[in-house]
Structures are given as C-alpha cells and as structure tokens.
Amino acid sequence: MKEQEHEKQEFLFDKINYKVLLIGIAVIALGFILMSGGGSDNPKVFNESVFDFRRIRLAPTMVLIGFGITIYSILKNPKKAN
C-alpha cells in the first residue's frame, strides 16, 4: 500500500531562487546586448564607437553583476533562514 502513495516531489530550489536566477540571466543578456553593435560596413574605415564607454566599461560590468546575481541565487538557502 505504501508503494502506491505518491510522495510530494520537491524542487531543488525555492521559488525565490528561480526568480533571482531569472533576474541574473536578464542582467547578463542586457550586458551582452549593450556590448553588441558599433561595427563598420567598410573594413577600411575605423569606427571609434567600438571604444565607447558603454562597450568598454558598462556592458562588461553588467555581465559580471549578472554572474554575481546568478551565483547568489544558487548559493542562497532560504530553508536555513527558517
């Protein structure tokens, strides 16, 4: 009889962990979107926008912050707080 009883399957993470994980992935995606563009159609013409603040400083910082958020969401243990 006990074999037929179904145990409630638990997820690896809680709901808050998945929300924070999705926020981290969105921040990483935003960083890569900010990094894109700035190319030139003609390879003989140099485009200065490659060295813009957005592509050199802001976008990599966003990607690193996103990785930090995802690592935090993986390591966060809400069951320990209870």
C-alpha atoms as a PDB file:
ATOM      1  CA  MET A   1       0.000   0.000   0.000  1.00  0.00           C
ATOM      2  CA  LYS A   2       2.859   2.395   0.764  1.00  0.00           C
ATOM      3  CA  GLU A   3       4.326   1.869  -2.677  1.00  0.00           C
ATOM      4  CA  GLN A   4       1.210   3.335  -4.249  1.00  0.00           C
ATOM      5  CA  GLU A   5       1.314   6.501  -2.153  1.00  0.00           C
ATOM      6  CA  HIS A   6       2.949   9.319  -4.051  1.00  0.00           C
ATOM      7  CA  GLU A   7       5.355  11.488  -2.174  1.00  0.00           C
ATOM      8  CA  LYS A   8       5.340  15.185  -2.897  1.00  0.00           C
ATOM      9  CA  GLN A   9       8.279  15.912  -5.164  1.00  0.00           C
ATOM     10  CA  GLU A  10      10.331  18.898  -4.079  1.00  0.00           C
ATOM     11  CA  PHE A  11      12.227  21.181  -6.404  1.00  0.00           C
ATOM     12  CA  LEU A  12      15.927  21.708  -5.921  1.00  0.00           C
ATOM     13  CA  PHE A  13      15.434  25.435  -5.267  1.00  0.00           C
ATOM     14  CA  ASP A  14      12.602  27.512  -3.871  1.00  0.00           C
ATOM     15  CA  LYS A  15      10.516  29.976  -5.863  1.00  0.00           C
ATOM     16  CA  ILE A  16      12.635  32.950  -4.771  1.00  0.00           C
ATOM     17  CA  ASN A  17      15.801  31.248  -6.029  1.00  0.00           C
ATOM     18  CA  TYR A  18      14.309  30.848  -9.502  1.00  0.00           C
ATOM     19  CA  LYS A  19      13.167  34.487  -9.551  1.00  0.00           C
ATOM     20  CA  VAL A  20      16.625  35.744  -8.608  1.00  0.00           C
ATOM     21  CA  LEU A  21      18.181  33.374 -11.158  1.00  0.00           C
ATOM     22  CA  LEU A  22      15.968  34.752 -13.936  1.00  0.00           C
ATOM     23  CA  ILE A  23      16.848  38.315 -12.922  1.00  0.00           C
ATOM     24  CA  GLY A  24      20.548  37.417 -13.120  1.00  0.00           C
ATOM     25  CA  ILE A  25      20.127  35.876 -16.568  1.00  0.00           C
ATOM     26  CA  ALA A  26      18.260  39.001 -17.726  1.00  0.00           C
ATOM     27  CA  VAL A  27      21.100  41.238 -16.465  1.00  0.00           C
ATOM     28  CA  ILE A  28      23.656  39.077 -18.309  1.00  0.00           C
ATOM     29  CA  ALA A  29      21.576  39.278 -21.503  1.00  0.00           C
ATOM     30  CA  LEU A  30      21.304  43.059 -21.111  1.00  0.00           C
ATOM     31  CA  GLY A  31      25.083  43.293 -20.760  1.00  0.00           C
ATOM     32  CA  PHE A  32      25.626  41.339 -23.969  1.00  0.00           C
ATOM     33  CA  ILE A  33      23.044  43.466 -25.785  1.00  0.00           C
ATOM     34  CA  LEU A  34      24.861  46.617 -24.631  1.00  0.00           C
ATOM     35  CA  MET A  35      28.118  45.121 -25.893  1.00  0.00           C
ATOM     36  CA  SER A  36      26.820  44.498 -29.414  1.00  0.00           C
ATOM     37  CA  GLY A  37      26.929  46.869 -32.375  1.00  0.00           C
ATOM     38  CA  GLY A  38      29.387  49.544 -33.326  1.00  0.00           C
ATOM     39  CA  GLY A  39      30.780  47.758 -36.329  1.00  0.00           C
ATOM     40  CA  SER A  40      31.638  49.293 -39.658  1.00  0.00           C
ATOM     41  CA  ASP A  41      30.288  48.245 -43.039  1.00  0.00           C
ATOM     42  CA  ASN A  42      33.577  49.097 -44.719  1.00  0.00           C
ATOM     43  CA  PRO A  43      36.599  47.273 -43.231  1.00  0.00           C
ATOM     44  CA  LYS A  44      38.931  50.082 -44.380  1.00  0.00           C
ATOM     45  CA  VAL A  45      37.090  52.652 -42.243  1.00  0.00           C
ATOM     46  CA  PHE A  46      37.728  52.653 -38.499  1.00  0.00           C
ATOM     47  CA  ASN A  47      34.752  53.305 -36.248  1.00  0.00           C
ATOM     48  CA  GLU A  48      35.518  54.983 -32.891  1.00  0.00           C
ATOM     49  CA  SER A  49      32.281  53.746 -31.306  1.00  0.00           C
ATOM     50  CA  VAL A  50      33.995  50.402 -30.597  1.00  0.00           C
ATOM     51  CA  PHE A  51      35.822  52.096 -27.713  1.00  0.00           C
ATOM     52  CA  ASP A  52      32.721  53.781 -26.313  1.00  0.00           C
ATOM     53  CA  PHE A  53      32.089  53.825 -22.527  1.00  0.00           C
ATOM     54  CA  ARG A  54      29.049  51.591 -22.993  1.00  0.00           C
ATOM     55  CA  ARG A  55      31.008  48.770 -24.656  1.00  0.00           C
ATOM     56  CA  ILE A  56      34.239  49.019 -22.665  1.00  0.00           C
ATOM     57  CA  ARG A  57      33.016  49.674 -19.108  1.00  0.00           C
ATOM     58  CA  LEU A  58      29.240  49.413 -18.722  1.00  0.00           C
ATOM     59  CA  ALA A  59      28.496  46.177 -20.614  1.00  0.00           C
ATOM     60  CA  PRO A  60      31.218  44.003 -19.010  1.00  0.00           C
ATOM     61  CA  THR A  61      30.257  45.365 -15.588  1.00  0.00           C
ATOM     62  CA  MET A  62      26.617  44.398 -16.232  1.00  0.00           C
ATOM     63  CA  VAL A  63      27.684  40.890 -17.262  1.00  0.00           C
ATOM     64  CA  LEU A  64      29.801  40.451 -14.116  1.00  0.00           C
ATOM     65  CA  ILE A  65      26.975  41.743 -11.918  1.00  0.00           C
ATOM     66  CA  GLY A  66      24.627  39.276 -13.643  1.00  0.00           C
ATOM     67  CA  PHE A  67      27.014  36.402 -12.938  1.00  0.00           C
ATOM     68  CA  GLY A  68      27.198  37.520  -9.310  1.00  0.00           C
ATOM     69  CA  ILE A  69      23.402  37.540  -9.053  1.00  0.00           C
ATOM     70  CA  THR A  70      23.131  34.045 -10.549  1.00  0.00           C
ATOM     71  CA  ILE A  71      25.802  32.684  -8.202  1.00  0.00           C
ATOM     72  CA  TYR A  72      23.963  34.270  -5.266  1.00  0.00           C
ATOM     73  CA  SER A  73      20.697  32.664  -6.379  1.00  0.00           C
ATOM     74  CA  ILE A  74      22.345  29.255  -6.490  1.00  0.00           C
ATOM     75  CA  LEU A  75      24.006  29.596  -3.098  1.00  0.00           C
ATOM     76  CA  LYS A  76      21.021  31.198  -1.331  1.00  0.00           C
ATOM     77  CA  ASN A  77      19.369  28.735   1.016  1.00  0.00           C
ATOM     78  CA  PRO A  78      16.000  30.059   2.234  1.00  0.00           C
ATOM     79  CA  LYS A  79      15.373  26.913   4.311  1.00  0.00           C
ATOM     80  CA  LYS A  80      18.301  27.841   6.549  1.00  0.00           C
ATOM     81  CA  ALA A  81      16.616  31.145   7.476  1.00  0.00           C
ATOM     82  CA  ASN A  82      13.538  29.408   8.898  1.00  0.00           C
END
